[in-house]
Amino acid sequence: MALIYRYMRVYARGIGASMLVKLAGALTELLIPAILEHLIDEIVPLNRMEQVVLWGGLMVVTALVTRQLNVIANHAAIRNAHHVSYDLRRDLFAKTANLSGSQFDAFGLPSLISRMTSDSYNVQTCVQSLQTMCVRVPIMLVGGITVTMLMDPVLSGILCVIVPVLIVVIVGVSRYGIPLYRRVQERLDDVVRTMREDITGIRVIKALSKTEYEKDRFAAASDAMAKADIRASTVMAVPGPLMQTCLSIGLTLVVWVGAGRVDEGLIKPGVILAFLTYFNMVMQGVMGVNRIFMMLSKATASANRIARVLAAPDDQPVLPAEQAAVPAGPGFIRFEHVWFRYGGEGKTDESEGGAPCLRDISFTLNRGESLGIIGPTGCGKTTILNLLMRFYDAESGGVFVDGRDVRSYPKDELRRKFGVVLQNDMVFYNTLRENIRFGRDLSEDDLLRAVEDAVAAEYIDSLEDGLDHQADIRGANLSGGQRQRLLISRALAADPDILVLDDSSSALDYKTDAALRKAIFERHKHSTTIMVAQRVSSIQGMTHILVMDNGRCIGYGTHRELLDTCPAYAEIYRAQMGALA
């Protein structure tokens, strides 16, 4: 709850005003039964119609004022809750965007999505309720009991016995319910994960006739969440029937005891009628306590999940220059004896699942040179790029760019040097123009030049609306080759110092691939290019080629040198070129 209060403090003035209005509405609501009691016991016996009309009108006015105050307070509470949830989502999104690769992997994308949506909504609901129910409920409880004690202490004794017992039950059940709601949110993570996988891979699912299989998998995740939710809701619903039973018993006792006291002349009939109304108010207040604790249980579980993300430490701090001194040596990009494993913190034995993804990788690139990386799937090609752009930090060894350890760069400064096309890169639901510009200050000439260099001009010019053509989500209305050329246009548009292409030409035919490489080498000579590829033809013209296998460098040199010195590379070349012959 500390997280919720911290964000509420920013809007303390508005929240305070909302609660004051709600307080006024609750107090005026308490007056209505008292006016009714006075009307029945004091005014009606006078048999004066003008007095009856006057006090009846006062009741109507009081009810209208109560309603209007509650409307104003509820509207303000909703507005304040939206402001708080907006700030929370904004900070959570910013924190998520700046998580390191290791932290992102640890939390998991589905969990981060559910924290951004379901958990933040639970917090928003809590903030709204705190401003309304947490004012009205105490007034109904304390005010109702206080007024009834002034009316008749004997009848109020019924409330004084029932209410404390119910509150103790509610508090005890709610303490048990918080971890149950946390499990509900964890099961929701599983549902989001399954849903995301199914939606993303829907074409594969249909192509392999696995729709029923995926339905069953999704149903299993949904059932697990439903069972967790039912269990939590069942536990939190325990006080409900108990309160209804106590309400019925209490009302019966009030009528029975009250009727006897009327017969004895100790109270008047209007007191019983007013007391029944107050009794109902008090029991509504007790039920409100139950709803508050249920809401707080959900919100606390959600707030704790959000707080864990917001409190995640910066595990990739910017190192001071003196701590990131570069050993003497040439090169614009350098890897010095780099070792790395995913999730390898604290793992020293490969048998524990911590086998390195990169093992003692070293290479040097001068400015304007190019590097092709080739090797089997899972050999560590993309991991080299992840370390270069500091999505992850090396366990040992050093990664250097332009004479500095990458850890000494602010992340924005480092990544502005790159133009990047990653595997399965994202095409956004926007025009082709905005997909290429991507929020950067680029001129129309920059965009057109990038389109030309990426060999995308022909297909874009063939579209009726050209660069203003609307791309669907993930580029679903574009072919694989069109998507790749659009993404390469985005990477080239800012004329980067370092161009990173991770298997970015796999969907291109050989002619288009050759034209793309020619355009890059001729028009972006100053850019240092690193290309991960599966085809030898895509990288054979590179200044250097790095051959990877099982996280190790098994060959490094030019195309000609590797044909003579690296059997694995020569075998790949013969297999691919022979297939083309």
Foldseek 3Di string as FASTA:
>chain_A
DVLLVVLLVVVVVLLVVLLVLLLVLLVLVLCLLVLLLCLVPPVVVVVDVVSNVVSVVVNVVSVVSSVVSLVVSLVSLLVSLVSSLVVLLVLLVVLQVQDFLLVCVVCDPLLSVCLSPVLSVLSSVLSSCCSNLVNNLVCLAVVLLVVLCVQPVVLSVLVVVPLVVLLVLLVVLLVVLLVLLLVLSVLSSVLSVLVVVCVVCVVVCVVVVPPVVSVVVNVVSVVSSVVSVCVSVVSLCVSVVVLVVSLVVSLVCLCVVVVVCVVVVNHPPSSSVSSNVSSVSNSVSSVSSSVSSSSVSNNVSSVVSSVVSSPDDNPLAADAQVVWADPDDDAQKWWAQFWAFRVQVPPDDVVVVGQILAGGDIDGHHFLAEEEEEEDPSQCQVVVVCCQLRSDDTPDTFIHHRRTTPSNDDNVVSPQQFQEDAPLDWDAFAFLLCSQCVPPPADPVLLVLLLVLLVNQVVLVVDPVRRRDTAHGRRPVDDLQNVLSSSSSSSPSVLHQEYEAEQSCVVPDLVSLVSNVVSCCVVNSRHYYYYYHHACSNPQPGQKYFYGDNNYTQDMGHNVVCCVRPPVSVVSNCVVVVVVD
